[in-house]
C-alpha cells in the first residue's frame, strides 16, 4: 500500500511495477489491516473533519 496520492507516490509505484508487485494508493482517512491468520483484510475509512 502506498500511503500517498498518485502524484506523490509515483516514484514508489514505479519501483513496485518494475518488480511486478501489486500496489494500491490510500491517501485520505484511516487504513485498517486485519487478519484471520490466513487472509488479510484491508479497509479504508474516510477522513472525518
N, C-alpha and C. Protein backbone atom coordinates (compact mmCIF):
# COMPACT_ATOMS: atom_id res chain seq x y z
N UNK A 1 0.84 -1.16 0.00
CA UNK A 1 0.00 0.00 0.00
C UNK A 1 0.88 1.23 0.00
N UNK A 2 0.51 2.17 -0.80
CA UNK A 2 1.21 3.44 -0.86
C UNK A 2 0.33 4.47 -0.16
N UNK A 3 0.82 4.99 0.95
CA UNK A 3 0.01 5.94 1.72
C UNK A 3 0.27 7.36 1.23
N UNK A 4 -0.05 7.57 -0.02
CA UNK A 4 0.07 8.89 -0.66
C UNK A 4 -0.86 8.86 -1.88
N UNK A 5 -1.11 10.03 -2.45
CA UNK A 5 -1.90 10.04 -3.66
C UNK A 5 -1.02 9.64 -4.85
N UNK A 6 -1.62 9.48 -6.02
CA UNK A 6 -0.86 9.00 -7.18
C UNK A 6 0.27 9.94 -7.57
N UNK A 7 0.05 11.24 -7.47
CA UNK A 7 1.09 12.20 -7.84
C UNK A 7 2.32 12.06 -6.95
N UNK A 8 2.11 11.98 -5.64
CA UNK A 8 3.22 11.91 -4.69
C UNK A 8 3.81 10.51 -4.54
N UNK A 9 3.06 9.48 -4.92
CA UNK A 9 3.53 8.12 -4.74
C UNK A 9 4.05 7.46 -6.00
N UNK A 10 4.17 8.21 -7.08
CA UNK A 10 4.54 7.62 -8.36
C UNK A 10 5.94 7.01 -8.35
N UNK A 11 6.90 7.60 -7.67
CA UNK A 11 8.25 7.04 -7.62
C UNK A 11 8.24 5.63 -7.03
N UNK A 12 7.56 5.47 -5.89
CA UNK A 12 7.46 4.15 -5.27
C UNK A 12 6.69 3.19 -6.15
N UNK A 13 5.61 3.65 -6.76
CA UNK A 13 4.81 2.80 -7.63
C UNK A 13 5.64 2.28 -8.80
N UNK A 14 6.49 3.12 -9.37
CA UNK A 14 7.35 2.70 -10.48
C UNK A 14 8.29 1.59 -10.03
N UNK A 15 8.83 1.71 -8.83
CA UNK A 15 9.72 0.66 -8.31
C UNK A 15 8.96 -0.66 -8.13
N UNK A 16 7.76 -0.59 -7.63
CA UNK A 16 6.96 -1.79 -7.42
C UNK A 16 6.57 -2.43 -8.76
N UNK A 17 6.24 -1.60 -9.75
CA UNK A 17 5.91 -2.14 -11.08
C UNK A 17 7.09 -2.87 -11.68
N UNK A 18 8.30 -2.32 -11.53
CA UNK A 18 9.50 -2.99 -12.07
C UNK A 18 9.69 -4.37 -11.47
N UNK A 19 9.30 -4.53 -10.21
CA UNK A 19 9.42 -5.83 -9.55
C UNK A 19 8.16 -6.68 -9.70
N UNK A 20 7.20 -6.15 -10.50
CA UNK A 20 5.92 -6.83 -10.75
C UNK A 20 5.14 -7.10 -9.46
N UNK A 21 5.18 -6.13 -8.54
CA UNK A 21 4.45 -6.22 -7.28
C UNK A 21 3.19 -5.37 -7.35
N UNK A 22 2.08 -5.89 -6.86
CA UNK A 22 0.85 -5.07 -6.86
C UNK A 22 0.97 -3.91 -5.89
N UNK A 23 0.26 -2.85 -6.16
CA UNK A 23 0.25 -1.71 -5.24
C UNK A 23 -1.09 -1.01 -5.30
N UNK A 24 -1.41 -0.36 -4.20
CA UNK A 24 -2.67 0.35 -4.06
C UNK A 24 -2.39 1.68 -3.37
N UNK A 25 -3.10 2.71 -3.80
CA UNK A 25 -2.95 4.04 -3.19
C UNK A 25 -4.03 4.24 -2.13
N UNK A 26 -3.63 4.77 -1.00
CA UNK A 26 -4.56 5.13 0.07
C UNK A 26 -4.07 6.43 0.68
N UNK A 27 -4.76 7.52 0.39
CA UNK A 27 -4.22 8.81 0.81
C UNK A 27 -5.06 9.55 1.84
N UNK A 28 -6.32 9.25 1.94
CA UNK A 28 -7.17 10.02 2.85
C UNK A 28 -7.87 9.07 3.82
N UNK A 29 -7.88 9.42 5.09
CA UNK A 29 -8.59 8.60 6.07
C UNK A 29 -7.67 7.61 6.76
N UNK A 30 -8.28 6.69 7.46
CA UNK A 30 -7.55 5.66 8.22
C UNK A 30 -7.57 4.34 7.47
N UNK A 31 -6.46 3.63 7.53
CA UNK A 31 -6.36 2.32 6.91
C UNK A 31 -6.32 1.27 8.01
N UNK A 32 -7.17 0.25 7.90
CA UNK A 32 -7.20 -0.83 8.89
C UNK A 32 -6.80 -2.13 8.21
N UNK A 33 -5.91 -2.86 8.86
CA UNK A 33 -5.49 -4.17 8.38
C UNK A 33 -5.87 -5.19 9.43
N UNK A 34 -6.55 -6.24 9.01
CA UNK A 34 -6.94 -7.32 9.92
C UNK A 34 -6.64 -8.64 9.25
N UNK A 35 -6.38 -9.67 10.05
CA UNK A 35 -6.14 -11.00 9.50
C UNK A 35 -6.82 -12.04 10.37
N UNK A 36 -7.21 -13.13 9.73
CA UNK A 36 -7.72 -14.29 10.46
C UNK A 36 -6.65 -15.37 10.57
N UNK A 37 -5.44 -15.01 10.22
CA UNK A 37 -4.33 -15.95 10.24
C UNK A 37 -3.99 -16.50 8.87
N UNK A 38 -4.93 -16.39 7.94
CA UNK A 38 -4.71 -16.85 6.57
C UNK A 38 -4.89 -15.74 5.55
N UNK A 39 -5.91 -14.96 5.74
CA UNK A 39 -6.27 -13.92 4.78
C UNK A 39 -6.16 -12.55 5.44
N UNK A 40 -5.61 -11.58 4.70
CA UNK A 40 -5.55 -10.21 5.17
C UNK A 40 -6.73 -9.44 4.61
N UNK A 41 -7.33 -8.60 5.43
CA UNK A 41 -8.43 -7.73 5.03
C UNK A 41 -7.96 -6.29 5.21
N UNK A 42 -8.16 -5.47 4.20
CA UNK A 42 -7.74 -4.07 4.25
C UNK A 42 -8.97 -3.21 4.03
N UNK A 43 -9.14 -2.23 4.91
CA UNK A 43 -10.28 -1.33 4.79
C UNK A 43 -9.79 0.10 5.00
N UNK A 44 -10.33 0.99 4.20
CA UNK A 44 -10.01 2.40 4.37
C UNK A 44 -11.26 3.14 4.80
N UNK A 45 -11.18 3.77 5.98
CA UNK A 45 -12.29 4.57 6.49
C UNK A 45 -12.06 6.02 6.06
N UNK A 46 -13.11 6.70 5.65
CA UNK A 46 -12.95 8.08 5.21
C UNK A 46 -12.49 9.00 6.33
N UNK A 47 -11.80 10.04 5.94
CA UNK A 47 -11.35 11.03 6.93
C UNK A 47 -12.56 11.83 7.39
N UNK A 48 -12.67 12.02 8.68
CA UNK A 48 -13.77 12.79 9.27
C UNK A 48 -13.22 14.14 9.68
N UNK A 49 -13.88 15.18 9.24
CA UNK A 49 -13.42 16.54 9.58
C UNK A 49 -14.34 17.21 10.53
